[in-house]
Amino acid sequence: MSFTPDLIAELEILALYNLSNTKEGLKVHHIASPTAIAATQRLHEKGLVTLPDGGYLTSLGLDAAQHAQDLLTILTVEEAA
């Protein structure tokens, strides 16, 4: 299994969520990139977000977003000199 462009786009959407405030959602507007719109729709189909254009994270989506953001943090931390 590898990271496909579609999966990377979904991870990018999950990384946008504010995990410190679960009452804060996202709205992916019709003027967003087609990649972002499609990724958000797929996340909805997978049961990770409440609406096809974003909305709130579901319980599963919250777990996925936490893992995605943790992975992003781990991979982007610069090594100590």
C-alpha atoms as a PDB file:
ATOM      1  CA  MET A   1       0.000   0.000   0.000  1.00  0.00           C
ATOM      2  CA  SER A   2       1.251   3.481  -0.798  1.00  0.00           C
ATOM      3  CA  PHE A   3       0.080   7.066  -0.486  1.00  0.00           C
ATOM      4  CA  THR A   4      -1.891   7.902  -3.611  1.00  0.00           C
ATOM      5  CA  PRO A   5      -2.645  11.482  -4.650  1.00  0.00           C
ATOM      6  CA  ASP A   6      -6.250  10.971  -3.489  1.00  0.00           C
ATOM      7  CA  LEU A   7      -5.141   9.809  -0.034  1.00  0.00           C
ATOM      8  CA  ILE A   8      -2.711  12.699   0.274  1.00  0.00           C
ATOM      9  CA  ALA A   9      -5.518  15.131  -0.599  1.00  0.00           C
ATOM     10  CA  GLU A  10      -7.694  13.575   2.108  1.00  0.00           C
ATOM     11  CA  LEU A  11      -4.860  13.825   4.642  1.00  0.00           C
ATOM     12  CA  GLU A  12      -4.450  17.494   3.730  1.00  0.00           C
ATOM     13  CA  ILE A  13      -8.131  18.137   4.473  1.00  0.00           C
ATOM     14  CA  LEU A  14      -7.905  16.280   7.798  1.00  0.00           C
ATOM     15  CA  ALA A  15      -4.876  18.376   8.706  1.00  0.00           C
ATOM     16  CA  LEU A  16      -6.974  21.549   8.409  1.00  0.00           C
ATOM     17  CA  TYR A  17      -9.282  20.653  11.290  1.00  0.00           C
ATOM     18  CA  ASN A  18      -8.739  22.375  14.632  1.00  0.00           C
ATOM     19  CA  LEU A  19      -8.508  19.464  17.061  1.00  0.00           C
ATOM     20  CA  SER A  20      -8.562  21.703  20.131  1.00  0.00           C
ATOM     21  CA  ASN A  21     -12.150  22.738  19.320  1.00  0.00           C
ATOM     22  CA  THR A  22     -14.394  19.927  18.090  1.00  0.00           C
ATOM     23  CA  LYS A  23     -17.260  22.404  17.643  1.00  0.00           C
ATOM     24  CA  GLU A  24     -15.312  24.078  14.847  1.00  0.00           C
ATOM     25  CA  GLY A  25     -15.912  22.576  11.432  1.00  0.00           C
ATOM     26  CA  LEU A  26     -14.764  23.219   7.885  1.00  0.00           C
ATOM     27  CA  LYS A  27     -16.625  24.407   4.822  1.00  0.00           C
ATOM     28  CA  VAL A  28     -15.049  23.555   1.477  1.00  0.00           C
ATOM     29  CA  HIS A  29     -16.569  26.108  -0.872  1.00  0.00           C
ATOM     30  CA  HIS A  30     -17.380  25.483  -4.529  1.00  0.00           C
ATOM     31  CA  ILE A  31     -14.475  27.762  -5.474  1.00  0.00           C
ATOM     32  CA  ALA A  32     -11.949  25.478  -3.739  1.00  0.00           C
ATOM     33  CA  SER A  33      -9.707  23.325  -5.872  1.00  0.00           C
ATOM     34  CA  PRO A  34     -11.408  20.329  -7.485  1.00  0.00           C
ATOM     35  CA  THR A  35      -8.938  18.132  -5.602  1.00  0.00           C
ATOM     36  CA  ALA A  36     -10.019  19.540  -2.226  1.00  0.00           C
ATOM     37  CA  ILE A  37     -13.712  19.280  -3.100  1.00  0.00           C
ATOM     38  CA  ALA A  38     -13.361  15.649  -4.197  1.00  0.00           C
ATOM     39  CA  ALA A  39     -11.239  14.762  -1.153  1.00  0.00           C
ATOM     40  CA  THR A  40     -13.847  16.210   1.195  1.00  0.00           C
ATOM     41  CA  GLN A  41     -16.621  14.299  -0.551  1.00  0.00           C
ATOM     42  CA  ARG A  42     -14.629  11.060  -0.182  1.00  0.00           C
ATOM     43  CA  LEU A  43     -14.082  11.759   3.518  1.00  0.00           C
ATOM     44  CA  HIS A  44     -17.841  12.147   3.877  1.00  0.00           C
ATOM     45  CA  GLU A  45     -18.474   8.881   2.013  1.00  0.00           C
ATOM     46  CA  LYS A  46     -16.007   7.166   4.369  1.00  0.00           C
ATOM     47  CA  GLY A  47     -17.874   8.511   7.395  1.00  0.00           C
ATOM     48  CA  LEU A  48     -15.090  10.829   8.587  1.00  0.00           C
ATOM     49  CA  VAL A  49     -16.917  14.161   8.172  1.00  0.00           C
ATOM     50  CA  THR A  50     -20.574  15.002   8.590  1.00  0.00           C
ATOM     51  CA  LEU A  51     -21.247  16.751   5.276  1.00  0.00           C
ATOM     52  CA  PRO A  52     -20.097  16.326   1.667  1.00  0.00           C
ATOM     53  CA  ASP A  53     -18.582  19.823   1.814  1.00  0.00           C
ATOM     54  CA  GLY A  54     -16.905  19.342   5.194  1.00  0.00           C
ATOM     55  CA  GLY A  55     -18.857  20.031   8.323  1.00  0.00           C
ATOM     56  CA  TYR A  56     -17.665  18.468  11.538  1.00  0.00           C
ATOM     57  CA  LEU A  57     -15.463  15.470  12.186  1.00  0.00           C
ATOM     58  CA  THR A  58     -17.248  12.297  13.187  1.00  0.00           C
ATOM     59  CA  SER A  59     -15.784  10.197  16.007  1.00  0.00           C
ATOM     60  CA  LEU A  60     -13.849   8.166  13.430  1.00  0.00           C
ATOM     61  CA  GLY A  61     -12.854  11.374  11.647  1.00  0.00           C
ATOM     62  CA  LEU A  62     -11.523  12.841  14.879  1.00  0.00           C
ATOM     63  CA  ASP A  63      -9.301   9.790  15.342  1.00  0.00           C
ATOM     64  CA  ALA A  64      -8.138   9.976  11.716  1.00  0.00           C
ATOM     65  CA  ALA A  65      -7.431  13.714  11.917  1.00  0.00           C
ATOM     66  CA  GLN A  66      -5.449  13.242  15.114  1.00  0.00           C
ATOM     67  CA  HIS A  67      -3.330  10.542  13.498  1.00  0.00           C
ATOM     68  CA  ALA A  68      -2.875  12.594  10.322  1.00  0.00           C
ATOM     69  CA  GLN A  69      -1.800  15.664  12.261  1.00  0.00           C
ATOM     70  CA  ASP A  70       0.498  13.617  14.504  1.00  0.00           C
ATOM     71  CA  LEU A  71       2.148  12.072  11.444  1.00  0.00           C
ATOM     72  CA  LEU A  72       2.577  15.483   9.860  1.00  0.00           C
ATOM     73  CA  THR A  73       4.207  16.768  13.052  1.00  0.00           C
ATOM     74  CA  ILE A  74       6.546  13.779  13.292  1.00  0.00           C
ATOM     75  CA  LEU A  75       7.625  14.026   9.665  1.00  0.00           C
ATOM     76  CA  THR A  76       8.165  17.777   9.665  1.00  0.00           C
ATOM     77  CA  VAL A  77      10.095  18.183  12.921  1.00  0.00           C
ATOM     78  CA  GLU A  78      13.650  19.142  12.138  1.00  0.00           C
ATOM     79  CA  GLU A  79      16.298  16.988  13.735  1.00  0.00           C
ATOM     80  CA  ALA A  80      18.224  18.611  16.566  1.00  0.00           C
ATOM     81  CA  ALA A  81      21.720  19.613  15.483  1.00  0.00           C
END
